[in-house]
N, C-alpha and C. Protein backbone atom coordinates (compact mmCIF):
# COMPACT_ATOMS: atom_id res chain seq x y z
N UNK A 1 17.00 -19.58 -62.69
CA UNK A 1 17.41 -19.28 -63.82
C UNK A 1 17.22 -17.46 -64.10
N UNK A 2 17.95 -16.98 -65.14
CA UNK A 2 17.62 -15.63 -65.21
C UNK A 2 16.88 -15.76 -66.79
N UNK A 3 15.77 -15.29 -66.89
CA UNK A 3 15.04 -15.22 -67.94
C UNK A 3 15.25 -14.22 -69.03
N UNK A 4 15.29 -14.68 -70.21
CA UNK A 4 15.41 -13.48 -71.34
C UNK A 4 14.17 -13.47 -72.46
N UNK A 5 13.75 -12.10 -72.18
CA UNK A 5 12.29 -12.11 -72.74
C UNK A 5 12.28 -10.69 -73.72
N UNK A 6 11.77 -10.62 -74.84
CA UNK A 6 11.42 -12.03 -75.66
C UNK A 6 12.62 -12.81 -76.06
N UNK A 7 12.49 -14.11 -76.09
CA UNK A 7 13.65 -15.05 -76.42
C UNK A 7 14.77 -14.47 -77.20
N UNK A 8 15.97 -14.85 -77.01
CA UNK A 8 16.94 -14.11 -77.95
C UNK A 8 17.14 -15.13 -79.19
N UNK A 9 16.75 -15.14 -80.71
CA UNK A 9 17.11 -16.14 -81.48
C UNK A 9 18.64 -16.19 -81.58
N UNK A 10 18.94 -17.74 -81.93
CA UNK A 10 20.26 -18.13 -81.61
C UNK A 10 20.90 -17.78 -83.17
N UNK A 11 20.19 -17.46 -84.18
CA UNK A 11 20.60 -17.05 -85.45
C UNK A 11 20.80 -15.52 -85.27
N UNK A 12 20.86 -14.84 -83.97
CA UNK A 12 21.21 -13.45 -83.99
C UNK A 12 22.69 -13.23 -83.25
N UNK A 13 23.04 -14.61 -83.03
CA UNK A 13 24.46 -14.71 -82.12
C UNK A 13 25.61 -14.92 -82.93
N UNK A 14 26.80 -14.56 -82.60
CA UNK A 14 27.78 -15.07 -83.60
C UNK A 14 28.16 -16.35 -83.50
N UNK A 15 28.36 -17.17 -84.41
CA UNK A 15 28.41 -18.66 -84.57
C UNK A 15 28.90 -19.06 -83.53
N UNK A 16 30.24 -18.62 -82.92
CA UNK A 16 31.00 -19.40 -81.65
C UNK A 16 30.77 -18.67 -80.53
N UNK A 17 29.68 -18.16 -80.29
CA UNK A 17 29.16 -17.30 -78.81
C UNK A 17 29.56 -18.13 -78.07
N UNK A 18 30.64 -17.66 -76.87
CA UNK A 18 31.30 -18.31 -75.64
C UNK A 18 29.97 -19.21 -74.61
N UNK A 19 28.83 -18.24 -74.70
CA UNK A 19 27.73 -18.54 -73.78
C UNK A 19 26.86 -19.72 -74.44
N UNK A 20 27.15 -20.03 -75.53
CA UNK A 20 26.45 -21.25 -76.24
C UNK A 20 27.05 -22.65 -75.63
N UNK A 21 26.34 -23.59 -75.33
CA UNK A 21 27.22 -24.71 -74.83
C UNK A 21 27.68 -25.73 -75.89
N UNK A 22 27.13 -25.43 -77.30
CA UNK A 22 27.86 -26.21 -78.22
C UNK A 22 29.05 -25.52 -79.11
N UNK A 23 29.27 -24.42 -78.22
CA UNK A 23 30.45 -23.95 -78.69
C UNK A 23 31.66 -24.51 -77.97
N UNK A 24 31.60 -25.22 -77.06
CA UNK A 24 32.54 -26.09 -76.23
C UNK A 24 32.69 -27.65 -76.32
N UNK A 25 33.73 -27.94 -76.84
CA UNK A 25 33.93 -29.55 -76.84
C UNK A 25 33.85 -30.06 -75.59
N UNK A 26 32.82 -31.40 -75.52
CA UNK A 26 32.81 -31.95 -74.33
C UNK A 26 34.27 -32.54 -73.74
N UNK A 27 34.43 -32.33 -72.20
CA UNK A 27 35.89 -32.35 -71.72
C UNK A 27 36.74 -31.31 -71.75
N UNK A 28 36.32 -30.04 -72.23
CA UNK A 28 37.37 -29.38 -72.47
C UNK A 28 36.96 -28.60 -71.33
N UNK A 29 37.92 -27.49 -71.11
CA UNK A 29 37.78 -26.37 -70.10
C UNK A 29 36.86 -25.25 -70.50
N UNK A 30 35.80 -25.36 -69.81
CA UNK A 30 34.86 -24.06 -70.24
C UNK A 30 35.26 -22.58 -69.34
N UNK A 31 35.27 -21.69 -70.00
CA UNK A 31 35.86 -20.40 -69.65
C UNK A 31 34.74 -19.53 -69.10
N UNK A 32 33.60 -19.76 -69.27
CA UNK A 32 32.34 -19.10 -68.94
C UNK A 32 31.62 -19.59 -67.88
N UNK A 33 31.04 -18.98 -66.58
CA UNK A 33 30.24 -19.37 -65.46
C UNK A 33 28.93 -19.78 -66.15
N UNK A 34 28.53 -19.10 -67.17
CA UNK A 34 26.69 -19.35 -67.61
C UNK A 34 26.88 -19.57 -69.22
N UNK A 35 25.67 -20.35 -69.28
CA UNK A 35 25.30 -20.79 -70.92
C UNK A 35 23.73 -20.44 -70.95
N UNK A 36 23.52 -20.15 -72.46
CA UNK A 36 22.22 -19.44 -72.85
C UNK A 36 21.37 -21.17 -72.45
N UNK A 37 20.16 -20.95 -71.74
CA UNK A 37 19.26 -22.00 -72.13
C UNK A 37 18.61 -22.21 -73.36
N UNK A 38 18.77 -22.90 -74.40
CA UNK A 38 18.18 -22.88 -75.37
C UNK A 38 16.97 -23.87 -75.77
N UNK A 39 16.06 -23.50 -76.33
CA UNK A 39 14.97 -24.34 -76.65
C UNK A 39 14.06 -23.72 -78.20
N UNK A 40 13.32 -24.53 -78.30
CA UNK A 40 12.48 -24.35 -79.67
C UNK A 40 11.60 -23.32 -79.27
N UNK A 41 11.33 -22.38 -80.12
CA UNK A 41 10.32 -21.09 -80.01
C UNK A 41 10.21 -20.63 -81.33
N UNK A 42 8.70 -20.78 -81.53
CA UNK A 42 8.35 -20.59 -82.99
C UNK A 42 9.07 -21.31 -84.28
N UNK A 43 9.57 -22.59 -83.74
CA UNK A 43 10.06 -23.36 -85.05
C UNK A 43 11.39 -22.83 -85.06
N UNK A 44 12.00 -22.15 -84.40
CA UNK A 44 13.66 -21.56 -84.36
C UNK A 44 14.06 -21.93 -83.09
N UNK A 45 15.39 -22.21 -83.07
CA UNK A 45 16.29 -22.24 -81.56
C UNK A 45 16.35 -20.67 -80.98
N UNK A 46 15.91 -20.63 -79.69
CA UNK A 46 16.27 -19.14 -79.17
C UNK A 46 16.75 -19.59 -77.73
N UNK A 47 17.34 -18.51 -77.18
CA UNK A 47 17.90 -18.64 -75.71
C UNK A 47 16.51 -17.75 -75.02
N UNK A 48 16.40 -18.72 -73.98
CA UNK A 48 15.26 -18.30 -73.17
C UNK A 48 15.74 -17.87 -71.61
N UNK A 49 16.89 -18.09 -71.69
CA UNK A 49 17.59 -17.75 -70.12
C UNK A 49 18.92 -18.15 -70.09
N UNK A 50 19.39 -17.89 -68.63
CA UNK A 50 21.08 -18.48 -68.41
C UNK A 50 20.90 -19.07 -67.32
N UNK A 51 21.61 -20.17 -67.56
CA UNK A 51 22.00 -21.31 -66.42
C UNK A 51 23.59 -21.46 -66.05
N UNK A 52 23.83 -21.93 -65.10
CA UNK A 52 25.13 -22.09 -64.73
C UNK A 52 25.76 -23.20 -65.99
N UNK A 53 27.00 -23.04 -66.18
CA UNK A 53 27.67 -23.97 -67.15
C UNK A 53 27.98 -25.30 -66.60
N UNK A 54 27.92 -25.43 -65.48
CA UNK A 54 28.03 -26.62 -64.77
C UNK A 54 27.25 -26.54 -63.64
N UNK A 55 26.87 -27.83 -62.94
CA UNK A 55 26.08 -27.89 -61.93
C UNK A 55 26.99 -27.39 -60.54
N UNK A 56 28.20 -27.64 -60.51
CA UNK A 56 29.04 -27.08 -59.58
C UNK A 56 30.40 -26.81 -60.09
N UNK A 57 30.64 -25.41 -59.87
CA UNK A 57 31.80 -24.89 -60.32
C UNK A 57 33.09 -24.96 -59.79
N UNK A 58 34.06 -25.11 -60.49
CA UNK A 58 35.32 -25.18 -59.56
C UNK A 58 35.88 -23.99 -58.67
N UNK A 59 35.69 -23.10 -59.56
CA UNK A 59 35.80 -21.43 -59.31
C UNK A 59 35.09 -20.87 -59.95
N UNK A 60 33.97 -20.16 -59.17
CA UNK A 60 33.39 -18.96 -59.95
C UNK A 60 33.99 -17.75 -60.51
N UNK A 61 34.20 -17.54 -61.52
CA UNK A 61 34.57 -16.53 -62.31
C UNK A 61 33.87 -15.13 -62.01
N UNK A 62 33.61 -14.35 -62.84
CA UNK A 62 32.90 -13.34 -62.44
C UNK A 62 31.67 -13.23 -63.42
N UNK A 63 30.56 -14.26 -62.95
CA UNK A 63 29.31 -14.04 -63.58
C UNK A 63 28.57 -13.00 -63.52
N UNK A 64 28.91 -11.74 -62.78
CA UNK A 64 28.11 -10.49 -62.81
C UNK A 64 28.41 -9.74 -63.78
N UNK A 65 29.83 -9.67 -63.96
CA UNK A 65 30.37 -9.19 -65.17
C UNK A 65 29.88 -9.74 -66.43
N UNK A 66 29.73 -10.88 -66.64
CA UNK A 66 29.65 -11.94 -67.60
C UNK A 66 28.00 -11.53 -68.14
N UNK A 67 27.21 -11.26 -67.19
CA UNK A 67 25.70 -11.26 -67.32
C UNK A 67 25.55 -9.52 -67.69
N UNK A 68 26.10 -8.89 -67.07
CA UNK A 68 26.40 -7.45 -67.74
C UNK A 68 26.73 -7.40 -69.03
N UNK A 69 27.61 -7.89 -69.25
CA UNK A 69 28.26 -7.95 -70.91
C UNK A 69 26.89 -8.28 -71.66
N UNK A 70 26.32 -9.17 -71.43
CA UNK A 70 25.16 -9.76 -72.14
C UNK A 70 24.12 -8.77 -72.35
N UNK A 71 23.63 -8.22 -71.10
CA UNK A 71 22.59 -7.21 -71.02
C UNK A 71 23.19 -5.90 -71.61
N UNK A 72 24.30 -5.21 -71.70
CA UNK A 72 24.61 -4.37 -72.83
C UNK A 72 24.51 -4.85 -74.38
N UNK A 73 24.91 -6.21 -74.66
CA UNK A 73 24.99 -6.42 -75.69
C UNK A 73 23.67 -6.54 -76.48
N UNK A 74 22.52 -6.94 -75.52
CA UNK A 74 21.29 -7.64 -76.18
C UNK A 74 20.21 -6.88 -75.38
N UNK A 75 20.41 -6.14 -74.38
CA UNK A 75 19.56 -5.62 -73.32
C UNK A 75 18.62 -4.60 -74.11
N UNK A 76 19.11 -4.01 -75.45
CA UNK A 76 18.47 -3.06 -75.69
C UNK A 76 16.74 -3.84 -76.64
N UNK A 77 16.92 -5.07 -76.96
CA UNK A 77 15.67 -5.69 -77.47
C UNK A 77 15.24 -6.57 -76.67
N UNK A 78 15.91 -7.11 -75.59
CA UNK A 78 15.42 -8.07 -74.60
C UNK A 78 16.10 -7.88 -73.17
N UNK A 79 14.65 -8.29 -72.36
CA UNK A 79 14.97 -7.82 -71.02
C UNK A 79 15.42 -9.32 -70.32
N UNK A 80 16.34 -8.69 -69.20
CA UNK A 80 16.65 -9.91 -68.59
C UNK A 80 16.32 -9.88 -66.79
N UNK A 81 15.75 -10.83 -66.65
CA UNK A 81 14.97 -10.91 -65.05
C UNK A 81 15.37 -12.24 -64.59
N UNK A 82 15.43 -11.85 -63.08
CA UNK A 82 15.49 -13.28 -62.39
C UNK A 82 16.53 -13.27 -61.59
N UNK A 83 16.98 -14.62 -60.85
CA UNK A 83 18.02 -14.55 -60.01
C UNK A 83 18.68 -15.84 -60.23
N UNK A 84 20.01 -16.04 -60.24
CA UNK A 84 20.85 -17.44 -60.62
C UNK A 84 21.65 -17.56 -59.49
N UNK A 85 21.61 -19.15 -58.83
CA UNK A 85 22.80 -19.20 -57.66
C UNK A 85 23.42 -20.17 -58.59
N UNK A 86 24.92 -19.92 -58.30
CA UNK A 86 25.87 -20.74 -58.76
C UNK A 86 26.86 -21.30 -57.70
N UNK A 87 26.90 -22.66 -57.63
CA UNK A 87 27.59 -23.31 -56.38
C UNK A 87 28.98 -23.56 -56.87
N UNK A 88 29.85 -23.07 -55.82
CA UNK A 88 31.43 -23.29 -56.04
C UNK A 88 31.60 -24.28 -54.97
N UNK A 89 32.60 -25.66 -55.50
CA UNK A 89 32.71 -26.46 -54.43
C UNK A 89 33.41 -26.01 -53.43
N UNK A 90 33.07 -26.27 -52.00
CA UNK A 90 33.53 -25.85 -50.92
C UNK A 90 34.80 -26.82 -50.01
N UNK A 91 34.80 -26.48 -48.71
CA UNK A 91 35.61 -27.35 -48.38
C UNK A 91 34.88 -28.29 -47.27
N UNK A 92 35.54 -28.71 -46.30
CA UNK A 92 34.53 -29.76 -45.54
C UNK A 92 33.41 -29.07 -44.78
N UNK A 93 33.32 -28.08 -44.86
CA UNK A 93 32.16 -27.18 -44.44
C UNK A 93 31.03 -27.14 -45.48
N UNK A 94 31.24 -27.43 -46.62
CA UNK A 94 30.45 -27.43 -47.59
C UNK A 94 30.35 -26.48 -48.77
N UNK A 95 29.61 -26.33 -49.65
CA UNK A 95 29.61 -25.44 -50.91
C UNK A 95 29.27 -24.35 -50.79
N UNK A 96 29.89 -23.32 -51.55
CA UNK A 96 29.29 -21.96 -51.10
C UNK A 96 28.54 -21.30 -52.58
N UNK A 97 27.45 -20.52 -52.48
CA UNK A 97 26.78 -19.99 -53.29
C UNK A 97 27.03 -18.65 -53.44
N UNK A 98 27.11 -18.05 -54.78
CA UNK A 98 27.24 -17.03 -55.34
C UNK A 98 25.97 -16.53 -56.02
N UNK A 99 25.30 -15.88 -55.49
CA UNK A 99 24.00 -15.54 -56.37
C UNK A 99 23.91 -13.92 -56.94
N UNK A 100 23.42 -14.08 -58.12
CA UNK A 100 23.38 -12.79 -58.94
C UNK A 100 22.04 -12.59 -59.40
N UNK A 101 21.48 -11.22 -59.01
CA UNK A 101 20.15 -11.12 -59.11
C UNK A 101 20.20 -9.79 -60.20
N UNK A 102 18.95 -9.79 -61.15
CA UNK A 102 18.95 -8.42 -61.86
C UNK A 102 18.14 -7.63 -61.11
N UNK A 103 18.77 -6.52 -61.00
CA UNK A 103 18.27 -5.24 -59.97
C UNK A 103 16.89 -4.81 -60.96
N UNK A 104 16.08 -4.02 -60.54
CA UNK A 104 14.96 -3.19 -61.20
C UNK A 104 15.57 -2.25 -62.14
N UNK A 105 16.89 -1.72 -62.16
CA UNK A 105 17.44 -0.56 -63.20
C UNK A 105 18.04 -1.80 -64.25
N UNK A 106 18.04 -3.32 -64.28
CA UNK A 106 18.37 -3.70 -65.23
C UNK A 106 19.71 -4.48 -65.20
N UNK A 107 20.42 -4.05 -64.25
CA UNK A 107 21.92 -4.50 -64.06
C UNK A 107 21.89 -5.79 -63.27
N UNK A 108 23.18 -6.82 -63.33
CA UNK A 108 23.22 -7.79 -62.61
C UNK A 108 24.34 -7.28 -61.46
N UNK A 109 23.93 -7.91 -60.17
CA UNK A 109 24.56 -7.48 -58.75
C UNK A 109 24.70 -8.98 -58.30
N UNK A 110 25.92 -9.46 -57.62
CA UNK A 110 26.48 -10.60 -57.08
C UNK A 110 26.80 -10.67 -56.07
N UNK A 111 26.62 -11.59 -55.02
CA UNK A 111 27.26 -11.56 -53.51
C UNK A 111 27.10 -12.86 -53.25
N UNK A 112 28.01 -13.54 -52.43
CA UNK A 112 28.07 -14.50 -51.59
C UNK A 112 26.94 -15.02 -50.63
N UNK A 113 26.48 -15.92 -50.58
CA UNK A 113 25.24 -16.17 -49.85
C UNK A 113 26.04 -16.96 -48.56
N UNK A 114 25.83 -16.43 -47.34
CA UNK A 114 26.43 -16.79 -46.04
C UNK A 114 25.32 -17.83 -45.30
């Protein structure tokens, strides 16, 4: 998981933020690779991290750009740290892993794990 410190209060996000799982109806196509991990913090709901939007993604989109956009939007008050593995359904040889890591300079970089 990529952690967000301090946690990002949900009340600070636009109502239908695409990275909130509650913004997507069950069974509908999700157009983002990541959801905020939301939990109660000091009596309020807050995003404490980023997690894959699905355990196995049909096709990995561009999670690196998605995370960098979140860092650009919220990184002035919140620190993003960690590594996230996204699994893409593979063929008969197994699933593929796309790993995104937050570097020391606070940017997300991704690459396929071989």
